[in-house]
PDB file of N, CA and C in Angstrom:
ATOM      1  N   MET A   1       4.419 224.137-109.205  1.00  0.00           N
ATOM      2  CA  MET A   1       5.508 223.874-108.268  1.00  0.00           C
ATOM      3  C   MET A   1       5.093 222.812-107.286  1.00  0.00           C
ATOM      4  N   THR A   2       5.835 221.724-107.275  1.00  0.00           N
ATOM      5  CA  THR A   2       5.490 220.634-106.534  1.00  0.00           C
ATOM      6  C   THR A   2       6.178 220.825-104.952  1.00  0.00           C
ATOM      7  N   ALA A   3       5.612 219.975-104.265  1.00  0.00           N
ATOM      8  CA  ALA A   3       6.205 219.847-102.787  1.00  0.00           C
ATOM      9  C   ALA A   3       7.772 219.634-102.713  1.00  0.00           C
ATOM     10  N   THR A   4       8.186 218.855-103.529  1.00  0.00           N
ATOM     11  CA  THR A   4       9.527 218.679-103.729  1.00  0.00           C
ATOM     12  C   THR A   4      10.500 219.949-103.999  1.00  0.00           C
ATOM     13  N   ASP A   5       9.903 220.479-105.114  1.00  0.00           N
ATOM     14  CA  ASP A   5      10.425 221.972-105.595  1.00  0.00           C
ATOM     15  C   ASP A   5      10.506 222.904-104.337  1.00  0.00           C
ATOM     16  N   ALA A   6       9.483 222.975-103.715  1.00  0.00           N
ATOM     17  CA  ALA A   6       9.344 223.844-102.613  1.00  0.00           C
ATOM     18  C   ALA A   6      10.432 223.516-101.516  1.00  0.00           C
ATOM     19  N   HIS A   7      10.575 222.278-101.326  1.00  0.00           N
ATOM     20  CA  HIS A   7      11.549 221.945-100.241  1.00  0.00           C
ATOM     21  C   HIS A   7      12.924 222.208-100.693  1.00  0.00           C
ATOM     22  N   ARG A   8      13.231 222.090-101.992  1.00  0.00           N
ATOM     23  CA  ARG A   8      14.474 222.304-102.604  1.00  0.00           C
ATOM     24  C   ARG A   8      14.701 223.895-102.411  1.00  0.00           C
ATOM     25  N   ALA A   9      13.635 224.504-102.784  1.00  0.00           N
ATOM     26  CA  ALA A   9      13.882 226.036-102.706  1.00  0.00           C
ATOM     27  C   ALA A   9      14.165 226.456-101.287  1.00  0.00           C
ATOM     28  N   ILE A  10      13.547 225.854-100.375  1.00  0.00           N
ATOM     29  CA  ILE A  10      13.736 226.271 -98.989  1.00  0.00           C
ATOM     30  C   ILE A  10      14.971 225.831 -98.429  1.00  0.00           C
ATOM     31  N   ASP A  11      15.451 224.649 -98.915  1.00  0.00           N
ATOM     32  CA  ASP A  11      16.778 224.241 -98.558  1.00  0.00           C
ATOM     33  C   ASP A  11      17.865 225.136 -99.222  1.00  0.00           C
ATOM     34  N   ALA A  12      17.754 225.692-100.439  1.00  0.00           N
ATOM     35  CA  ALA A  12      18.602 226.538-101.054  1.00  0.00           C
ATOM     36  C   ALA A  12      18.581 227.934-100.380  1.00  0.00           C
ATOM     37  N   VAL A  13      17.479 228.303-100.039  1.00  0.00           N
ATOM     38  CA  VAL A  13      17.458 229.644 -99.171  1.00  0.00           C
ATOM     39  C   VAL A  13      18.293 229.428 -97.922  1.00  0.00           C
ATOM     40  N   TRP A  14      17.923 228.294 -97.048  1.00  0.00           N
ATOM     41  CA  TRP A  14      18.574 228.218 -95.901  1.00  0.00           C
ATOM     42  C   TRP A  14      20.113 227.959 -95.966  1.00  0.00           C
ATOM     43  N   ARG A  15      20.556 227.319 -96.971  1.00  0.00           N
ATOM     44  CA  ARG A  15      21.954 227.276 -97.105  1.00  0.00           C
ATOM     45  C   ARG A  15      22.658 228.639 -97.486  1.00  0.00           C
ATOM     46  N   ILE A  16      22.039 229.384 -98.157  1.00  0.00           N
ATOM     47  CA  ILE A  16      22.420 230.856 -98.537  1.00  0.00           C
ATOM     48  C   ILE A  16      22.444 231.727 -97.302  1.00  0.00           C
ATOM     49  N   GLU A  17      21.289 231.584 -96.673  1.00  0.00           N
ATOM     50  CA  GLU A  17      21.106 232.700 -95.521  1.00  0.00           C
ATOM     51  C   GLU A  17      21.583 232.166 -94.040  1.00  0.00           C
ATOM     52  N   SER A  18      21.700 230.926 -93.891  1.00  0.00           N
ATOM     53  CA  SER A  18      21.920 230.438 -92.540  1.00  0.00           C
ATOM     54  C   SER A  18      23.183 230.888 -91.902  1.00  0.00           C
ATOM     55  N   PRO A  19      24.310 231.086 -92.789  1.00  0.00           N
ATOM     56  CA  PRO A  19      25.666 231.643 -92.311  1.00  0.00           C
ATOM     57  C   PRO A  19      25.396 232.959 -91.597  1.00  0.00           C
ATOM     58  N   ARG A  20      24.683 233.814 -92.354  1.00  0.00           N
ATOM     59  CA  ARG A  20      24.378 235.244 -91.879  1.00  0.00           C
ATOM     60  C   ARG A  20      23.584 235.387 -90.586  1.00  0.00           C
ATOM     61  N   LEU A  21      22.688 234.374 -90.585  1.00  0.00           N
ATOM     62  CA  LEU A  21      21.614 234.354 -89.409  1.00  0.00           C
ATOM     63  C   LEU A  21      22.418 233.927 -88.281  1.00  0.00           C
ATOM     64  N   ILE A  22      23.367 232.949 -88.407  1.00  0.00           N
ATOM     65  CA  ILE A  22      24.043 232.286 -87.358  1.00  0.00           C
ATOM     66  C   ILE A  22      25.102 233.263 -86.820  1.00  0.00           C
ATOM     67  N   ALA A  23      25.624 234.054 -87.830  1.00  0.00           N
ATOM     68  CA  ALA A  23      26.741 235.145 -87.413  1.00  0.00           C
ATOM     69  C   ALA A  23      25.966 236.153 -86.556  1.00  0.00           C
ATOM     70  N   ALA A  24      24.818 236.580 -87.051  1.00  0.00           N
ATOM     71  CA  ALA A  24      24.159 237.765 -86.267  1.00  0.00           C
ATOM     72  C   ALA A  24      23.778 237.081 -84.905  1.00  0.00           C
ATOM     73  N   TRP A  25      23.340 235.849 -84.724  1.00  0.00           N
ATOM     74  CA  TRP A  25      22.878 235.464 -83.494  1.00  0.00           C
ATOM     75  C   TRP A  25      24.120 235.421 -82.612  1.00  0.00           C
ATOM     76  N   LEU A  26      25.273 234.913 -83.051  1.00  0.00           N
ATOM     77  CA  LEU A  26      26.425 234.923 -82.210  1.00  0.00           C
ATOM     78  C   LEU A  26      26.856 236.230 -81.855  1.00  0.00           C
ATOM     79  N   MET A  27      26.741 237.086 -82.701  1.00  0.00           N
ATOM     80  CA  MET A  27      27.243 238.559 -82.368  1.00  0.00           C
ATOM     81  C   MET A  27      26.307 239.010 -81.381  1.00  0.00           C
ATOM     82  N   ALA A  28      24.974 238.774 -81.465  1.00  0.00           N
ATOM     83  CA  ALA A  28      24.030 239.377 -80.464  1.00  0.00           C
ATOM     84  C   ALA A  28      24.269 238.711 -79.158  1.00  0.00           C
ATOM     85  N   THR A  29      24.583 237.274 -79.163  1.00  0.00           N
ATOM     86  CA  THR A  29      24.893 236.661 -77.932  1.00  0.00           C
ATOM     87  C   THR A  29      26.097 237.092 -77.256  1.00  0.00           C
ATOM     88  N   ALA A  30      27.216 237.440 -77.936  1.00  0.00           N
ATOM     89  CA  ALA A  30      28.431 238.083 -77.371  1.00  0.00           C
ATOM     90  C   ALA A  30      28.185 239.372 -76.864  1.00  0.00           C
ATOM     91  N   LYS A  31      27.446 240.188 -77.570  1.00  0.00           N
ATOM     92  CA  LYS A  31      27.031 241.717 -77.066  1.00  0.00           C
ATOM     93  C   LYS A  31      26.419 241.402 -75.740  1.00  0.00           C
ATOM     94  N   HIS A  32      25.429 240.634 -75.650  1.00  0.00           N
ATOM     95  CA  HIS A  32      24.591 240.461 -74.455  1.00  0.00           C
ATOM     96  C   HIS A  32      25.357 239.986 -73.293  1.00  0.00           C
ATOM     97  N   ARG A  33      26.377 238.996 -73.721  1.00  0.00           N
ATOM     98  CA  ARG A  33      27.170 238.392 -72.591  1.00  0.00           C
ATOM     99  C   ARG A  33      28.116 239.675 -71.969  1.00  0.00           C
ATOM    100  N   ALA A  34      28.786 240.415 -72.983  1.00  0.00           N
ATOM    101  CA  ALA A  34      29.652 241.456 -72.631  1.00  0.00           C
ATOM    102  C   ALA A  34      28.888 242.520 -71.686  1.00  0.00           C
ATOM    103  N   ILE A  35      27.764 242.760 -71.894  1.00  0.00           N
ATOM    104  CA  ILE A  35      26.913 243.751 -71.133  1.00  0.00           C
ATOM    105  C   ILE A  35      26.686 243.050 -69.780  1.00  0.00           C
ATOM    106  N   ASP A  36      26.376 241.844 -69.774  1.00  0.00           N
ATOM    107  CA  ASP A  36      25.803 241.191 -68.550  1.00  0.00           C
ATOM    108  C   ASP A  36      26.900 240.703 -67.565  1.00  0.00           C
ATOM    109  N   LEU A  37      28.067 240.625 -67.919  1.00  0.00           N
ATOM    110  CA  LEU A  37      29.264 240.208 -67.199  1.00  0.00           C
ATOM    111  C   LEU A  37      29.389 241.314 -66.253  1.00  0.00           C
ATOM    112  N   PRO A  38      29.739 242.514 -66.493  1.00  0.00           N
ATOM    113  CA  PRO A  38      30.099 243.694 -65.799  1.00  0.00           C
ATOM    114  C   PRO A  38      28.672 244.040 -64.666  1.00  0.00           C
ATOM    115  N   ARG A  39      27.497 243.775 -65.303  1.00  0.00           N
ATOM    116  CA  ARG A  39      26.362 243.960 -64.579  1.00  0.00           C
ATOM    117  C   ARG A  39      26.338 242.984 -63.410  1.00  0.00           C
ATOM    118  N   ARG A  40      26.623 241.703 -63.762  1.00  0.00           N
ATOM    119  CA  ARG A  40      26.621 240.709 -62.680  1.00  0.00           C
ATOM    120  C   ARG A  40      27.642 240.982 -61.709  1.00  0.00           C
ATOM    121  N   ARG A  41      28.809 241.400 -62.243  1.00  0.00           N
ATOM    122  CA  ARG A  41      29.913 241.534 -61.183  1.00  0.00           C
ATOM    123  C   ARG A  41      29.576 242.734 -60.110  1.00  0.00           C
ATOM    124  N   GLN A  42      28.975 243.815 -60.745  1.00  0.00           N
ATOM    125  CA  GLN A  42      28.394 244.817 -59.920  1.00  0.00           C
ATOM    126  C   GLN A  42      27.294 244.538 -58.901  1.00  0.00           C
ATOM    127  N   MET A  43      26.422 243.630 -59.351  1.00  0.00           N
ATOM    128  CA  MET A  43      25.479 243.061 -58.279  1.00  0.00           C
ATOM    129  C   MET A  43      26.002 242.203 -57.305  1.00  0.00           C
ATOM    130  N   LEU A  44      27.086 241.523 -57.682  1.00  0.00           N
ATOM    131  CA  LEU A  44      27.777 240.634 -56.601  1.00  0.00           C
ATOM    132  C   LEU A  44      28.521 241.544 -55.526  1.00  0.00           C
ATOM    133  N   GLU A  45      29.098 242.484 -56.091  1.00  0.00           N
ATOM    134  CA  GLU A  45      29.700 243.383 -55.016  1.00  0.00           C
ATOM    135  C   GLU A  45      28.748 244.128 -54.232  1.00  0.00           C
ATOM    136  N   ARG A  46      27.640 244.475 -54.666  1.00  0.00           N
ATOM    137  CA  ARG A  46      26.711 245.211 -53.935  1.00  0.00           C
ATOM    138  C   ARG A  46      26.125 244.014 -52.746  1.00  0.00           C
ATOM    139  N   LYS A  47      25.939 242.915 -53.332  1.00  0.00           N
ATOM    140  CA  LYS A  47      25.247 241.846 -52.276  1.00  0.00           C
ATOM    141  C   LYS A  47      26.433 241.448 -51.248  1.00  0.00           C
ATOM    142  N   HIS A  48      27.732 241.408 -51.759  1.00  0.00           N
ATOM    143  CA  HIS A  48      28.706 241.107 -50.637  1.00  0.00           C
ATOM    144  C   HIS A  48      28.823 242.395 -49.684  1.00  0.00           C
ATOM    145  N   ALA A  49      28.561 243.632 -50.077  1.00  0.00           N
ATOM    146  CA  ALA A  49      28.737 244.641 -49.210  1.00  0.00           C
ATOM    147  C   ALA A  49      27.471 244.515 -48.223  1.00  0.00           C
ATOM    148  N   GLU A  50      26.314 244.273 -48.694  1.00  0.00           N
ATOM    149  CA  GLU A  50      25.094 244.068 -48.043  1.00  0.00           C
ATOM    150  C   GLU A  50      25.368 243.151 -46.839  1.00  0.00           C
ATOM    151  N   ILE A  51      25.891 241.871 -47.204  1.00  0.00           N
ATOM    152  CA  ILE A  51      26.102 240.961 -46.273  1.00  0.00           C
ATOM    153  C   ILE A  51      27.155 241.358 -45.408  1.00  0.00           C
ATOM    154  N   GLY A  52      28.093 241.953 -45.717  1.00  0.00           N
ATOM    155  CA  GLY A  52      29.034 242.475 -44.755  1.00  0.00           C
ATOM    156  C   GLY A  52      28.491 243.475 -43.582  1.00  0.00           C
ATOM    157  N   ARG A  53      27.607 244.381 -44.127  1.00  0.00           N
ATOM    158  CA  ARG A  53      27.069 245.343 -43.265  1.00  0.00           C
ATOM    159  C   ARG A  53      26.042 244.525 -42.348  1.00  0.00           C
ATOM    160  N   GLU A  54      25.348 243.436 -42.829  1.00  0.00           N
ATOM    161  CA  GLU A  54      24.364 242.725 -41.905  1.00  0.00           C
ATOM    162  C   GLU A  54      25.228 241.875 -40.938  1.00  0.00           C
ATOM    163  N   LEU A  55      26.439 241.502 -41.212  1.00  0.00           N
ATOM    164  CA  LEU A  55      27.282 240.718 -40.242  1.00  0.00           C
ATOM    165  C   LEU A  55      27.712 241.650 -39.328  1.00  0.00           C
ATOM    166  N   GLU A  56      28.156 242.840 -39.578  1.00  0.00           N
ATOM    167  CA  GLU A  56      28.776 243.896 -38.649  1.00  0.00           C
ATOM    168  C   GLU A  56      27.648 244.266 -37.872  1.00  0.00           C
ATOM    169  N   ALA A  57      26.369 244.427 -38.223  1.00  0.00           N
ATOM    170  CA  ALA A  57      25.273 244.780 -37.320  1.00  0.00           C
ATOM    171  C   ALA A  57      24.980 243.825 -36.396  1.00  0.00           C
ATOM    172  N   ARG A  58      24.947 242.581 -36.859  1.00  0.00           N
ATOM    173  CA  ARG A  58      24.791 241.393 -35.841  1.00  0.00           C
ATOM    174  C   ARG A  58      26.055 241.405 -34.828  1.00  0.00           C
ATOM    175  N   GLN A  59      27.124 241.550 -35.207  1.00  0.00           N
ATOM    176  CA  GLN A  59      28.255 241.427 -34.188  1.00  0.00           C
ATOM    177  C   GLN A  59      28.165 242.618 -33.202  1.00  0.00           C
ATOM    178  N   ASP A  60      27.654 243.818 -33.858  1.00  0.00           N
ATOM    179  CA  ASP A  60      27.405 244.848 -32.791  1.00  0.00           C
ATOM    180  C   ASP A  60      26.332 244.643 -31.774  1.00  0.00           C
ATOM    181  N   GLU A  61      25.327 243.934 -32.242  1.00  0.00           N
ATOM    182  CA  GLU A  61      24.084 243.611 -31.571  1.00  0.00           C
ATOM    183  C   GLU A  61      24.647 242.534 -30.254  1.00  0.00           C
ATOM    184  N   THR A  62      25.392 241.684 -30.749  1.00  0.00           N
ATOM    185  CA  THR A  62      25.760 240.604 -29.893  1.00  0.00           C
ATOM    186  C   THR A  62      26.845 241.168 -28.861  1.00  0.00           C
ATOM    187  N   ALA A  63      27.584 242.194 -29.183  1.00  0.00           N
ATOM    188  CA  ALA A  63      28.726 242.805 -28.293  1.00  0.00           C
ATOM    189  C   ALA A  63      28.099 243.683 -27.449  1.00  0.00           C
ATOM    190  N   VAL A  64      26.797 244.086 -27.392  1.00  0.00           N
ATOM    191  CA  VAL A  64      26.166 245.109 -26.484  1.00  0.00           C
ATOM    192  C   VAL A  64      25.599 244.234 -25.472  1.00  0.00           C
TER     193      VAL A  64
END
């Protein structure tokens, strides 16, 4: 087997398998994104609540 034959074989395997690999990658990316969006939203809500509590505490301190 020559180097050219090896390259042709690699190219053939890539053409056959790449659609499946790319589809699996897209599915994994979509799954992770679907999981991350609610997690991020939850974290932002917690941070906003924390900032709100800090602002209230500062207002209480300045009011006294």
